Amino acid sequence: MYKKLLEPISMETKNDKTIAALTHLSALLQYFIPFGNFIFPIIIWSSKKEKSELIDHNGKQIINFQLSLLIYSLIFVLIAIPAFSTAIFSSMDWTEFLNNHEFFWNKINYADNVSIITIGIISVLLFFILKIVEFFLIIIAAINASNGEKYNYPLTINFIK
């Protein structure tokens, strides 16, 4: 009798765990459908959030994680584009470029722009590392959700509480 009282009571059904895992995995549709990482988790979460606390929690987590990654990605892009643009166009003779309609890679002064180019390269590398980490974290979250656990992504800003 005491043994039954100590066992955790799981109110989550197998179906709830599967839906919670699919909510995470649906974010991977971004590789096939533009903004699929937002559209499908929002659809799944909003249609099933009242049914289960597990689905509600995991749905909020994946949406917050994707919104956070969007912000981090925009920051990296907003650093990289001006850095590379400055490095490329700062030493260019615009009259020669406009008259010849050719881009002269040999006219770029790399020595004077090493720090700017380095900042741009670091931003691009951080962006790709972020996308690789995102892929693995989504898989980890889906596995945890399929086991009935409430997974919290690291470095996530909680927009939806």
Protein backbone atom coordinates (compact mmCIF):
# COMPACT_ATOMS: atom_id res chain seq x y z
CA MET A 1 0.00 0.00 0.00
CA TYR A 2 2.79 2.45 0.86
CA LYS A 3 4.56 1.65 -2.36
CA LYS A 4 1.65 2.88 -4.44
CA LEU A 5 1.57 6.16 -2.53
CA LEU A 6 5.25 6.87 -3.22
CA GLU A 7 5.06 6.24 -6.95
CA PRO A 8 4.68 9.43 -9.00
CA ILE A 9 1.29 9.76 -10.56
CA SER A 10 1.66 10.65 -14.22
CA MET A 11 -1.41 12.31 -15.63
CA GLU A 12 0.23 12.69 -19.02
CA THR A 13 -0.84 10.14 -21.57
CA LYS A 14 1.39 8.68 -24.24
CA ASN A 15 -0.48 10.83 -26.76
CA ASP A 16 0.35 14.00 -24.77
CA LYS A 17 4.02 13.04 -24.67
CA THR A 18 4.02 12.39 -28.42
CA ILE A 19 2.36 15.73 -29.18
CA ALA A 20 4.84 17.53 -26.91
CA ALA A 21 7.74 15.86 -28.72
CA LEU A 22 6.24 16.70 -32.13
CA THR A 23 5.88 20.31 -31.06
CA HIS A 24 9.66 20.45 -30.65
CA LEU A 25 10.39 18.48 -33.81
CA SER A 26 8.06 20.67 -35.87
CA ALA A 27 10.60 23.48 -35.50
CA LEU A 28 12.90 21.49 -37.80
CA LEU A 29 10.49 22.21 -40.65
CA GLN A 30 12.36 25.51 -41.01
CA TYR A 31 14.74 23.63 -43.29
CA PHE A 32 11.91 22.86 -45.73
CA ILE A 33 9.33 25.61 -45.23
CA PRO A 34 10.19 29.26 -44.54
CA PHE A 35 9.17 30.22 -41.00
CA GLY A 36 8.10 26.61 -40.36
CA ASN A 37 9.96 26.84 -37.06
CA PHE A 38 7.34 29.37 -35.91
CA ILE A 39 4.19 28.36 -37.79
CA PHE A 40 3.94 24.66 -36.90
CA PRO A 41 4.89 24.85 -33.20
CA ILE A 42 2.38 27.68 -32.74
CA ILE A 43 -0.36 25.71 -34.50
CA ILE A 44 0.29 22.56 -32.46
CA TRP A 45 0.68 24.43 -29.17
CA SER A 46 -2.37 26.65 -29.58
CA SER A 47 -4.63 23.75 -30.54
CA LYS A 48 -3.52 21.43 -27.70
CA LYS A 49 -2.34 23.66 -24.83
CA GLU A 50 -5.54 23.31 -22.79
CA LYS A 51 -5.40 19.52 -23.03
CA SER A 52 -2.15 19.01 -21.16
CA GLU A 53 0.25 20.94 -18.96
CA LEU A 54 3.14 19.07 -20.62
CA ILE A 55 2.09 20.24 -24.09
CA ASP A 56 1.53 23.78 -22.82
CA HIS A 57 4.96 23.98 -21.18
CA ASN A 58 6.87 22.43 -24.09
CA GLY A 59 4.98 24.53 -26.64
CA LYS A 60 5.89 27.73 -24.82
CA GLN A 61 9.50 26.61 -24.58
CA ILE A 62 9.96 25.89 -28.29
CA ILE A 63 8.26 29.14 -29.32
CA ASN A 64 10.36 31.17 -26.85
CA PHE A 65 13.49 29.35 -28.01
CA GLN A 66 12.78 30.06 -31.68
CA LEU A 67 12.04 33.73 -30.98
CA SER A 68 15.26 34.00 -28.96
CA LEU A 69 17.26 32.40 -31.78
CA LEU A 70 15.70 34.83 -34.25
CA ILE A 71 16.92 37.74 -32.15
CA TYR A 72 20.42 36.23 -31.75
CA SER A 73 20.63 35.51 -35.48
CA LEU A 74 19.56 39.05 -36.37
CA ILE A 75 22.24 40.42 -34.05
CA PHE A 76 24.93 38.31 -35.75
CA VAL A 77 23.72 39.35 -39.21
CA LEU A 78 23.56 43.01 -38.19
CA ILE A 79 27.17 42.74 -37.08
CA ALA A 80 28.47 40.74 -40.06
CA ILE A 81 26.93 42.69 -42.96
CA PRO A 82 28.24 46.13 -41.97
CA ALA A 83 31.63 44.64 -41.08
CA PHE A 84 32.07 43.00 -44.48
CA SER A 85 30.55 45.99 -46.31
CA THR A 86 32.96 48.35 -44.60
CA ALA A 87 35.93 46.13 -45.36
CA ILE A 88 34.99 45.74 -49.02
CA PHE A 89 33.80 49.23 -49.89
CA SER A 90 36.07 51.41 -47.72
CA SER A 91 39.07 51.21 -50.04
CA MET A 92 37.17 51.11 -53.31
CA ASP A 93 37.41 53.86 -55.90
CA TRP A 94 33.76 54.46 -56.72
CA THR A 95 34.33 56.26 -60.01
CA GLU A 96 36.40 53.35 -61.30
CA PHE A 97 33.78 50.88 -60.09
CA LEU A 98 30.90 52.83 -61.68
CA ASN A 99 32.71 53.33 -65.00
CA ASN A 100 34.07 49.79 -65.43
CA HIS A 101 31.10 47.93 -63.89
CA GLU A 102 33.45 45.34 -62.50
CA PHE A 103 34.26 44.42 -58.95
CA PHE A 104 37.98 44.48 -58.20
CA TRP A 105 38.83 41.99 -55.46
CA ASN A 106 42.49 42.94 -55.76
CA LYS A 107 41.66 46.57 -54.86
CA ILE A 108 40.42 45.63 -51.37
CA ASN A 109 42.94 46.59 -48.71
CA TYR A 110 42.83 43.55 -46.42
CA ALA A 111 45.69 44.72 -44.20
CA ASP A 112 43.85 47.84 -43.05
CA ASN A 113 40.62 45.94 -42.46
CA VAL A 114 41.82 42.85 -40.59
CA SER A 115 39.93 43.68 -37.40
CA ILE A 116 36.67 44.44 -39.23
CA ILE A 117 36.94 41.29 -41.34
CA THR A 118 37.69 39.26 -38.20
CA ILE A 119 34.57 40.60 -36.49
CA GLY A 120 32.51 39.69 -39.56
CA ILE A 121 33.98 36.17 -39.73
CA ILE A 122 33.39 35.60 -36.00
CA SER A 123 29.75 36.73 -36.40
CA VAL A 124 29.21 34.33 -39.30
CA LEU A 125 30.83 31.46 -37.39
CA LEU A 126 28.72 32.16 -34.30
CA PHE A 127 25.61 32.17 -36.49
CA PHE A 128 26.44 28.72 -37.90
CA ILE A 129 27.36 27.37 -34.45
CA LEU A 130 24.01 28.67 -33.19
CA LYS A 131 22.17 26.79 -35.97
CA ILE A 132 24.05 23.55 -35.23
CA VAL A 133 23.40 23.84 -31.48
CA GLU A 134 19.75 24.61 -32.23
CA PHE A 135 19.38 21.37 -34.19
CA PHE A 136 20.76 19.24 -31.38
CA LEU A 137 18.85 21.05 -28.64
CA ILE A 138 15.59 20.48 -30.51
CA ILE A 139 16.35 16.74 -30.69
CA ILE A 140 17.24 16.65 -26.97
CA ALA A 141 14.06 18.55 -26.08
CA ALA A 142 11.94 16.19 -28.18
CA ILE A 143 13.45 13.15 -26.44
CA ASN A 144 12.82 14.68 -23.02
CA ALA A 145 9.24 15.61 -23.98
CA SER A 146 8.59 12.07 -25.22
CA ASN A 147 9.68 10.86 -21.77
CA GLY A 148 7.16 13.21 -20.15
CA GLU A 149 9.73 15.74 -18.92
CA LYS A 150 9.37 19.50 -19.07
CA TYR A 151 12.44 20.68 -20.96
CA ASN A 152 13.82 24.22 -20.66
CA TYR A 153 16.11 25.46 -23.44
CA PRO A 154 19.28 27.31 -22.44
CA LEU A 155 19.73 31.01 -23.30
CA THR A 156 16.01 31.44 -23.92
CA ILE A 157 14.18 34.69 -23.38
CA ASN A 158 10.71 33.96 -21.97
CA PHE A 159 8.37 35.95 -24.19
CA ILE A 160 5.42 33.64 -23.45
CA LYS A 161 5.09 32.80 -19.78
